[in-house]
Amino acid sequence: MRLTFLGTGTSTGVPSLGCHCPTCSSSDPHDKRTRSSLLLEFNGHIVVVDTTPDFRQQGLRERIDRLDAVIFTHTHADHVFGLDDVRVFNMRQKKPIPIYADAHSIEDLRRIFKYVFEGNYQGGGIPQLEPHLIDGPFDLWEERFVPLPVLHGKLPILGFRFRRVAYITDFSAIPAETLPLLEDLDVLILDALRHEPHPTHSTVAESLEWVRRIRPQRALFTHMAHDLAHESTNASLPANTALAYDGLKLEV
């Protein structure tokens, strides 16, 4: 399985509009962050975790030429507003694209993309989607995906475990009942927004504490704001822990 970080930025992206701070003005390509999403390639199939507003740009950058499924962590704008762009894959593949989400997220997607699901849209092409409810572990092309319930402030959302990798973005707390699902990991991918406390996101220090508790072989941070410059932040992190960056690829 190959993992590609399509995006590693927070909801505003980095650079942030109108900002001229050192990170937003940086010439380091690692400081250019589109909104957070993950691409998985396995067993001849391609799956995306979340469709950000930058999905088209991300897909062009990574030369995505097919899409077999989309998995959603939750339905905040920075994780779903690129969903309309999957319709080009409907046209190429001539079949609906399965999407996977929990009950609350499926309800939200039907509301946000009402024109897709109501069946009476009078405009041009729209995505052809096949919703599937996540209510426990599920299999895609012989790979098991285990949902990881976490909290994004007061909002329950999902991370996911596949093979010996866990992907948890947009979290502020990991419930005790989720911790056993995070044992024996090769790679742990965690939200680490910034250094300053935030009501709905984990900070760098908080995520480092989760790394110490969970003890993966390797940890990578994502969903980062412009507060974190790539090079200087990485220099401050312990061994086997680093900031991810757009385009980073892992073989697992």
C-alpha atoms as a PDB file:
ATOM      1  CA  MET A   1       0.000   0.000   0.000  1.00  0.00           C
ATOM      2  CA  ARG A   2       1.219   3.474  -0.853  1.00  0.00           C
ATOM      3  CA  LEU A   3       0.082   6.507   1.167  1.00  0.00           C
ATOM      4  CA  THR A   4       0.351  10.017  -0.254  1.00  0.00           C
ATOM      5  CA  PHE A   5      -0.396  13.112   1.791  1.00  0.00           C
ATOM      6  CA  LEU A   6      -2.554  15.103  -0.625  1.00  0.00           C
ATOM      7  CA  GLY A   7      -2.680  17.975   1.865  1.00  0.00           C
ATOM      8  CA  THR A   8      -1.374  18.716   5.350  1.00  0.00           C
ATOM      9  CA  GLY A   9      -2.775  22.165   6.090  1.00  0.00           C
ATOM     10  CA  THR A  10      -5.502  23.487   8.329  1.00  0.00           C
ATOM     11  CA  SER A  11      -8.817  24.872   7.072  1.00  0.00           C
ATOM     12  CA  THR A  12      -7.329  28.131   5.727  1.00  0.00           C
ATOM     13  CA  GLY A  13      -4.406  26.442   3.998  1.00  0.00           C
ATOM     14  CA  VAL A  14      -0.845  27.733   4.129  1.00  0.00           C
ATOM     15  CA  PRO A  15      -0.133  30.402   2.974  1.00  0.00           C
ATOM     16  CA  SER A  16      -3.253  31.870   4.492  1.00  0.00           C
ATOM     17  CA  LEU A  17      -5.017  34.571   2.489  1.00  0.00           C
ATOM     18  CA  GLY A  18      -3.741  38.057   3.310  1.00  0.00           C
ATOM     19  CA  CYS A  19      -1.027  36.826   5.669  1.00  0.00           C
ATOM     20  CA  HIS A  20       2.636  37.802   5.331  1.00  0.00           C
ATOM     21  CA  CYS A  21       4.071  35.969   8.331  1.00  0.00           C
ATOM     22  CA  PRO A  22       7.405  34.134   7.920  1.00  0.00           C
ATOM     23  CA  THR A  23       5.738  30.765   7.197  1.00  0.00           C
ATOM     24  CA  CYS A  24       3.259  32.179   4.703  1.00  0.00           C
ATOM     25  CA  SER A  25       6.091  34.074   3.006  1.00  0.00           C
ATOM     26  CA  SER A  26       8.467  31.114   3.102  1.00  0.00           C
ATOM     27  CA  SER A  27      10.173  29.839  -0.058  1.00  0.00           C
ATOM     28  CA  ASP A  28      10.383  26.340   1.434  1.00  0.00           C
ATOM     29  CA  PRO A  29       7.944  24.142  -0.574  1.00  0.00           C
ATOM     30  CA  HIS A  30       7.212  22.171   2.607  1.00  0.00           C
ATOM     31  CA  ASP A  31       5.509  25.307   3.955  1.00  0.00           C
ATOM     32  CA  LYS A  32       2.931  25.265   1.131  1.00  0.00           C
ATOM     33  CA  ARG A  33       0.034  23.272   2.583  1.00  0.00           C
ATOM     34  CA  THR A  34      -3.276  22.501   0.943  1.00  0.00           C
ATOM     35  CA  ARG A  35      -6.161  21.243   3.080  1.00  0.00           C
ATOM     36  CA  SER A  36      -5.670  17.872   4.794  1.00  0.00           C
ATOM     37  CA  SER A  37      -6.397  14.701   2.852  1.00  0.00           C
ATOM     38  CA  LEU A  38      -4.840  11.293   2.230  1.00  0.00           C
ATOM     39  CA  LEU A  39      -4.518   9.146  -0.914  1.00  0.00           C
ATOM     40  CA  LEU A  40      -4.290   5.353  -0.605  1.00  0.00           C
ATOM     41  CA  GLU A  41      -3.198   3.060  -3.440  1.00  0.00           C
ATOM     42  CA  PHE A  42      -3.565  -0.691  -2.874  1.00  0.00           C
ATOM     43  CA  ASN A  43      -4.536  -3.860  -4.737  1.00  0.00           C
ATOM     44  CA  GLY A  44      -4.983  -1.925  -7.957  1.00  0.00           C
ATOM     45  CA  HIS A  45      -7.412   0.586  -6.419  1.00  0.00           C
ATOM     46  CA  ILE A  46      -7.299   4.230  -5.354  1.00  0.00           C
ATOM     47  CA  VAL A  47      -9.104   5.596  -2.293  1.00  0.00           C
ATOM     48  CA  VAL A  48      -9.138   9.157  -0.977  1.00  0.00           C
ATOM     49  CA  VAL A  49      -9.770  10.110   2.661  1.00  0.00           C
ATOM     50  CA  ASP A  50     -11.754  13.407   2.518  1.00  0.00           C
ATOM     51  CA  THR A  51     -12.295  15.631  -0.520  1.00  0.00           C
ATOM     52  CA  THR A  52     -10.973  19.064   0.360  1.00  0.00           C
ATOM     53  CA  PRO A  53     -11.648  22.326  -1.518  1.00  0.00           C
ATOM     54  CA  ASP A  54      -8.180  21.714  -3.001  1.00  0.00           C
ATOM     55  CA  PHE A  55      -9.005  18.219  -4.296  1.00  0.00           C
ATOM     56  CA  ARG A  56      -8.750  19.160  -7.980  1.00  0.00           C
ATOM     57  CA  GLN A  57      -5.364  20.830  -7.446  1.00  0.00           C
ATOM     58  CA  GLN A  58      -4.154  17.880  -5.369  1.00  0.00           C
ATOM     59  CA  GLY A  59      -5.326  15.380  -7.972  1.00  0.00           C
ATOM     60  CA  LEU A  60      -3.562  17.221 -10.773  1.00  0.00           C
ATOM     61  CA  ARG A  61      -0.360  17.411  -8.752  1.00  0.00           C
ATOM     62  CA  GLU A  62      -0.401  13.667  -8.002  1.00  0.00           C
ATOM     63  CA  ARG A  63      -1.700  12.671 -11.462  1.00  0.00           C
ATOM     64  CA  ILE A  64      -4.738  10.851 -10.081  1.00  0.00           C
ATOM     65  CA  ASP A  65      -6.390   9.226 -13.086  1.00  0.00           C
ATOM     66  CA  ARG A  66      -9.003   7.077 -11.362  1.00  0.00           C
ATOM     67  CA  LEU A  67     -10.915   7.021  -8.082  1.00  0.00           C
ATOM     68  CA  ASP A  68     -12.531   3.940  -6.584  1.00  0.00           C
ATOM     69  CA  ALA A  69     -13.897   5.223  -3.267  1.00  0.00           C
ATOM     70  CA  VAL A  70     -13.948   8.159  -0.837  1.00  0.00           C
ATOM     71  CA  ILE A  71     -13.890   7.798   2.957  1.00  0.00           C
ATOM     72  CA  PHE A  72     -14.919  10.737   5.120  1.00  0.00           C
ATOM     73  CA  THR A  73     -13.662  11.602   8.594  1.00  0.00           C
ATOM     74  CA  HIS A  74     -16.310  14.316   9.056  1.00  0.00           C
ATOM     75  CA  THR A  75     -18.116  17.012   7.103  1.00  0.00           C
ATOM     76  CA  HIS A  76     -16.500  20.342   7.906  1.00  0.00           C
ATOM     77  CA  ALA A  77     -16.050  22.467   4.788  1.00  0.00           C
ATOM     78  CA  ASP A  78     -12.306  21.879   4.492  1.00  0.00           C
ATOM     79  CA  HIS A  79     -12.894  18.121   4.290  1.00  0.00           C
ATOM     80  CA  VAL A  80     -15.841  17.848   1.904  1.00  0.00           C
ATOM     81  CA  PHE A  81     -16.167  20.868  -0.396  1.00  0.00           C
ATOM     82  CA  GLY A  82     -14.177  19.229  -3.204  1.00  0.00           C
ATOM     83  CA  LEU A  83     -16.666  16.380  -3.552  1.00  0.00           C
ATOM     84  CA  ASP A  84     -18.188  17.776  -6.752  1.00  0.00           C
ATOM     85  CA  ASP A  85     -14.858  17.286  -8.527  1.00  0.00           C
ATOM     86  CA  VAL A  86     -15.138  13.495  -8.324  1.00  0.00           C
ATOM     87  CA  ARG A  87     -17.664  13.639 -11.185  1.00  0.00           C
ATOM     88  CA  VAL A  88     -14.855  13.587 -13.740  1.00  0.00           C
ATOM     89  CA  PHE A  89     -14.073  10.067 -12.535  1.00  0.00           C
ATOM     90  CA  ASN A  90     -17.723   9.095 -13.005  1.00  0.00           C
ATOM     91  CA  MET A  91     -17.383  10.231 -16.612  1.00  0.00           C
ATOM     92  CA  ARG A  92     -14.130   8.303 -17.106  1.00  0.00           C
ATOM     93  CA  GLN A  93     -15.137   5.154 -15.233  1.00  0.00           C
ATOM     94  CA  LYS A  94     -18.851   5.207 -16.185  1.00  0.00           C
ATOM     95  CA  LYS A  95     -20.119   4.102 -12.771  1.00  0.00           C
ATOM     96  CA  PRO A  96     -20.977   5.605  -9.379  1.00  0.00           C
ATOM     97  CA  ILE A  97     -18.248   6.176  -6.809  1.00  0.00           C
ATOM     98  CA  PRO A  98     -18.821   4.608  -3.367  1.00  0.00           C
ATOM     99  CA  ILE A  99     -18.525   7.018  -0.440  1.00  0.00           C
ATOM    100  CA  TYR A 100     -18.185   5.887   3.167  1.00  0.00           C
ATOM    101  CA  ALA A 101     -19.168   7.929   6.219  1.00  0.00           C
ATOM    102  CA  ASP A 102     -20.897   7.633   9.579  1.00  0.00           C
ATOM    103  CA  ALA A 103     -24.627   8.336   9.900  1.00  0.00           C
ATOM    104  CA  HIS A 104     -24.237  11.989  10.901  1.00  0.00           C
ATOM    105  CA  SER A 105     -21.846  12.673   8.024  1.00  0.00           C
ATOM    106  CA  ILE A 106     -24.067  10.974   5.435  1.00  0.00           C
ATOM    107  CA  GLU A 107     -26.954  13.143   6.618  1.00  0.00           C
ATOM    108  CA  ASP A 108     -24.732  16.236   6.307  1.00  0.00           C
ATOM    109  CA  LEU A 109     -23.528  15.257   2.831  1.00  0.00           C
ATOM    110  CA  ARG A 110     -27.118  14.822   1.651  1.00  0.00           C
ATOM    111  CA  ARG A 111     -27.881  18.332   2.953  1.00  0.00           C
ATOM    112  CA  ILE A 112     -24.714  20.080   1.732  1.00  0.00           C
ATOM    113  CA  PHE A 113     -24.864  18.438  -1.700  1.00  0.00           C
ATOM    114  CA  LYS A 114     -28.645  18.438  -1.984  1.00  0.00           C
ATOM    115  CA  TYR A 115     -28.447  18.886  -5.763  1.00  0.00           C
ATOM    116  CA  VAL A 116     -26.537  15.588  -6.020  1.00  0.00           C
ATOM    117  CA  PHE A 117     -28.876  13.443  -3.994  1.00  0.00           C
ATOM    118  CA  GLU A 118     -32.344  14.828  -4.784  1.00  0.00           C
ATOM    119  CA  GLY A 119     -32.284  13.666  -8.375  1.00  0.00           C
ATOM    120  CA  ASN A 120     -33.921  16.739  -9.931  1.00  0.00           C
ATOM    121  CA  TYR A 121     -30.894  18.939 -10.717  1.00  0.00           C
ATOM    122  CA  GLN A 122     -31.456  20.887 -13.940  1.00  0.00           C
ATOM    123  CA  GLY A 123     -27.850  21.857 -14.629  1.00  0.00           C
ATOM    124  CA  GLY A 124     -24.920  19.956 -16.125  1.00  0.00           C
ATOM    125  CA  GLY A 125     -23.134  16.874 -14.875  1.00  0.00           C
ATOM    126  CA  ILE A 126     -23.188  16.032 -11.191  1.00  0.00           C
ATOM    127  CA  PRO A 127     -21.344  13.388  -9.171  1.00  0.00           C
ATOM    128  CA  GLN A 128     -22.819   9.899  -9.157  1.00  0.00           C
ATOM    129  CA  LEU A 129     -22.324   8.684  -5.594  1.00  0.00           C
ATOM    130  CA  GLU A 130     -23.165   5.482  -3.755  1.00  0.00           C
ATOM    131  CA  PRO A 131     -23.357   6.145   0.017  1.00  0.00           C
ATOM    132  CA  HIS A 132     -22.282   3.435   2.473  1.00  0.00           C
ATOM    133  CA  LEU A 133     -22.793   3.719   6.230  1.00  0.00           C
ATOM    134  CA  ILE A 134     -19.768   3.223   8.482  1.00  0.00           C
ATOM    135  CA  ASP A 135     -21.027   1.522  11.635  1.00  0.00           C
ATOM    136  CA  GLY A 136     -17.985  -0.635  12.317  1.00  0.00           C
ATOM    137  CA  PRO A 137     -14.959  -2.094  10.511  1.00  0.00           C
ATOM    138  CA  PHE A 138     -15.412  -2.505   6.756  1.00  0.00           C
ATOM    139  CA  ASP A 139     -13.456  -4.023   3.883  1.00  0.00           C
ATOM    140  CA  LEU A 140     -12.402  -2.443   0.592  1.00  0.00           C
ATOM    141  CA  TRP A 141     -10.709  -4.712  -1.948  1.00  0.00           C
ATOM    142  CA  GLU A 142      -9.378  -7.106   0.668  1.00  0.00           C
ATOM    143  CA  GLU A 143      -8.182  -4.356   3.022  1.00  0.00           C
ATOM    144  CA  ARG A 144      -9.780  -3.899   6.436  1.00  0.00           C
ATOM    145  CA  PHE A 145     -10.550  -0.340   7.592  1.00  0.00           C
ATOM    146  CA  VAL A 146     -11.247   0.167  11.292  1.00  0.00           C
ATOM    147  CA  PRO A 147     -13.018   3.398  12.312  1.00  0.00           C
ATOM    148  CA  LEU A 148     -11.401   5.239  15.220  1.00  0.00           C
ATOM    149  CA  PRO A 149     -13.915   7.374  17.161  1.00  0.00           C
ATOM    150  CA  VAL A 150     -12.317  10.608  18.397  1.00  0.00           C
ATOM    151  CA  LEU A 151     -13.523  14.035  19.484  1.00  0.00           C
ATOM    152  CA  HIS A 152     -13.114  17.242  17.497  1.00  0.00           C
ATOM    153  CA  GLY A 153     -14.067  19.586  20.314  1.00  0.00           C
ATOM    154  CA  LYS A 154     -17.553  18.299  21.190  1.00  0.00           C
ATOM    155  CA  LEU A 155     -18.102  16.766  17.744  1.00  0.00           C
ATOM    156  CA  PRO A 156     -17.603  12.989  17.419  1.00  0.00           C
ATOM    157  CA  ILE A 157     -15.683  12.229  14.210  1.00  0.00           C
ATOM    158  CA  LEU A 158     -13.696   9.325  12.809  1.00  0.00           C
ATOM    159  CA  GLY A 159     -10.086   8.497  12.263  1.00  0.00           C
ATOM    160  CA  PHE A 160      -9.166   5.245  10.534  1.00  0.00           C
ATOM    161  CA  ARG A 161      -6.771   2.362  10.983  1.00  0.00           C
ATOM    162  CA  PHE A 162      -5.631   0.301   7.997  1.00  0.00           C
ATOM    163  CA  ARG A 163      -2.846  -2.269   8.214  1.00  0.00           C
ATOM    164  CA  ARG A 164      -0.470  -0.906  10.901  1.00  0.00           C
ATOM    165  CA  VAL A 165      -1.236   2.754  10.164  1.00  0.00           C
ATOM    166  CA  ALA A 166      -3.656   5.104  11.950  1.00  0.00           C
ATOM    167  CA  TYR A 167      -4.852   8.403  10.490  1.00  0.00           C
ATOM    168  CA  ILE A 168      -6.439  10.836  12.958  1.00  0.00           C
ATOM    169  CA  THR A 169      -7.002  14.387  11.779  1.00  0.00           C
ATOM    170  CA  ASP A 170      -9.010  17.186  13.448  1.00  0.00           C
ATOM    171  CA  PHE A 171      -9.035  15.785  16.968  1.00  0.00           C
ATOM    172  CA  SER A 172      -8.776  17.253  20.426  1.00  0.00           C
ATOM    173  CA  ALA A 173      -9.252  14.063  22.470  1.00  0.00           C
ATOM    174  CA  ILE A 174      -8.985  10.304  21.980  1.00  0.00           C
ATOM    175  CA  PRO A 175     -11.526   8.394  24.101  1.00  0.00           C
ATOM    176  CA  ALA A 176     -10.277   5.541  26.274  1.00  0.00           C
ATOM    177  CA  GLU A 177     -12.245   2.994  24.252  1.00  0.00           C
ATOM    178  CA  THR A 178     -10.338   3.964  21.073  1.00  0.00           C
ATOM    179  CA  LEU A 179      -6.858   3.486  22.537  1.00  0.00           C
ATOM    180  CA  PRO A 180      -6.822  -0.348  22.218  1.00  0.00           C
ATOM    181  CA  LEU A 181      -7.377   0.105  18.470  1.00  0.00           C
ATOM    182  CA  LEU A 182      -4.092   2.047  18.300  1.00  0.00           C
ATOM    183  CA  GLU A 183      -1.796  -0.670  19.593  1.00  0.00           C
ATOM    184  CA  ASP A 184       1.116  -2.048  17.578  1.00  0.00           C
ATOM    185  CA  LEU A 185       1.320   0.730  14.967  1.00  0.00           C
ATOM    186  CA  ASP A 186       4.102   1.304  12.474  1.00  0.00           C
ATOM    187  CA  VAL A 187       2.842   4.799  11.615  1.00  0.00           C
ATOM    188  CA  LEU A 188       0.610   7.143  13.605  1.00  0.00           C
ATOM    189  CA  ILE A 189      -0.630  10.246  11.763  1.00  0.00           C
ATOM    190  CA  LEU A 190      -2.042  12.927  14.055  1.00  0.00           C
ATOM    191  CA  ASP A 191      -3.479  16.437  13.922  1.00  0.00           C
ATOM    192  CA  ALA A 192      -0.996  18.949  15.395  1.00  0.00           C
ATOM    193  CA  LEU A 193      -2.412  22.368  14.622  1.00  0.00           C
ATOM    194  CA  ARG A 194       0.007  24.717  16.384  1.00  0.00           C
ATOM    195  CA  HIS A 195       1.727  25.351  19.731  1.00  0.00           C
ATOM    196  CA  GLU A 196      -1.004  27.527  21.269  1.00  0.00           C
ATOM    197  CA  PRO A 197      -4.030  25.727  22.768  1.00  0.00           C
ATOM    198  CA  HIS A 198      -7.103  25.346  20.567  1.00  0.00           C
ATOM    199  CA  PRO A 199     -10.612  24.233  21.612  1.00  0.00           C
ATOM    200  CA  THR A 200     -11.047  21.660  18.829  1.00  0.00           C
ATOM    201  CA  HIS A 201      -7.537  20.651  17.722  1.00  0.00           C
ATOM    202  CA  SER A 202      -4.523  18.999  19.295  1.00  0.00           C
ATOM    203  CA  THR A 203      -1.399  21.094  19.777  1.00  0.00           C
ATOM    204  CA  VAL A 204       2.136  19.916  19.029  1.00  0.00           C
ATOM    205  CA  ALA A 205       2.783  19.245  22.730  1.00  0.00           C
ATOM    206  CA  GLU A 206      -0.509  17.376  23.138  1.00  0.00           C
ATOM    207  CA  SER A 207       0.127  15.254  20.066  1.00  0.00           C
ATOM    208  CA  LEU A 208       3.627  14.450  21.319  1.00  0.00           C
ATOM    209  CA  GLU A 209       2.049  13.217  24.536  1.00  0.00           C
ATOM    210  CA  TRP A 210      -0.306  10.966  22.542  1.00  0.00           C
ATOM    211  CA  VAL A 211       2.723   9.628  20.666  1.00  0.00           C
ATOM    212  CA  ARG A 212       4.396   8.805  23.974  1.00  0.00           C
ATOM    213  CA  ARG A 213       1.261   6.996  25.172  1.00  0.00           C
ATOM    214  CA  ILE A 214       0.543   5.085  21.953  1.00  0.00           C
ATOM    215  CA  ARG A 215       4.190   4.326  21.131  1.00  0.00           C
ATOM    216  CA  PRO A 216       4.119   3.859  17.343  1.00  0.00           C
ATOM    217  CA  GLN A 217       7.303   3.098  15.443  1.00  0.00           C
ATOM    218  CA  ARG A 218       6.933   6.446  13.685  1.00  0.00           C
ATOM    219  CA  ALA A 219       4.678   9.507  14.044  1.00  0.00           C
ATOM    220  CA  LEU A 220       3.773  12.159  11.487  1.00  0.00           C
ATOM    221  CA  PHE A 221       1.806  15.336  12.141  1.00  0.00           C
ATOM    222  CA  THR A 222      -0.751  16.899   9.803  1.00  0.00           C
ATOM    223  CA  HIS A 223      -3.490  19.583   9.667  1.00  0.00           C
ATOM    224  CA  MET A 224      -0.979  22.302  10.548  1.00  0.00           C
ATOM    225  CA  ALA A 225      -1.516  26.053  10.678  1.00  0.00           C
ATOM    226  CA  HIS A 226       0.919  28.730   9.553  1.00  0.00           C
ATOM    227  CA  ASP A 227       2.173  28.943  13.133  1.00  0.00           C
ATOM    228  CA  LEU A 228       4.419  25.944  12.388  1.00  0.00           C
ATOM    229  CA  ALA A 229       7.332  26.447  10.012  1.00  0.00           C
ATOM    230  CA  HIS A 230       8.393  23.092   8.606  1.00  0.00           C
ATOM    231  CA  GLU A 231      12.167  23.187   9.074  1.00  0.00           C
ATOM    232  CA  SER A 232      12.354  24.813  12.504  1.00  0.00           C
ATOM    233  CA  THR A 233       9.484  22.762  13.931  1.00  0.00           C
ATOM    234  CA  ASN A 234      10.982  19.500  12.690  1.00  0.00           C
ATOM    235  CA  ALA A 235      14.288  20.433  14.314  1.00  0.00           C
ATOM    236  CA  SER A 236      12.508  20.604  17.683  1.00  0.00           C
ATOM    237  CA  LEU A 237      10.762  17.222  17.442  1.00  0.00           C
ATOM    238  CA  PRO A 238      12.061  13.955  18.902  1.00  0.00           C
ATOM    239  CA  ALA A 239      13.442  11.111  16.805  1.00  0.00           C
ATOM    240  CA  ASN A 240      10.943   9.237  14.627  1.00  0.00           C
ATOM    241  CA  THR A 241       8.482  12.153  14.785  1.00  0.00           C
ATOM    242  CA  ALA A 242       8.115  14.776  12.058  1.00  0.00           C
ATOM    243  CA  LEU A 243       5.734  17.102  10.272  1.00  0.00           C
ATOM    244  CA  ALA A 244       4.228  15.568   7.149  1.00  0.00           C
ATOM    245  CA  TYR A 245       4.108  17.679   3.998  1.00  0.00           C
ATOM    246  CA  ASP A 246       2.058  17.817   0.814  1.00  0.00           C
ATOM    247  CA  GLY A 247       3.180  15.084  -1.552  1.00  0.00           C
ATOM    248  CA  LEU A 248       4.943  12.951   1.093  1.00  0.00           C
ATOM    249  CA  LYS A 249       4.699   9.257   0.129  1.00  0.00           C
ATOM    250  CA  LEU A 250       4.990   6.195   2.359  1.00  0.00           C
ATOM    251  CA  GLU A 251       5.051   2.497   1.509  1.00  0.00           C
ATOM    252  CA  VAL A 252       3.368   0.375   4.174  1.00  0.00           C
END
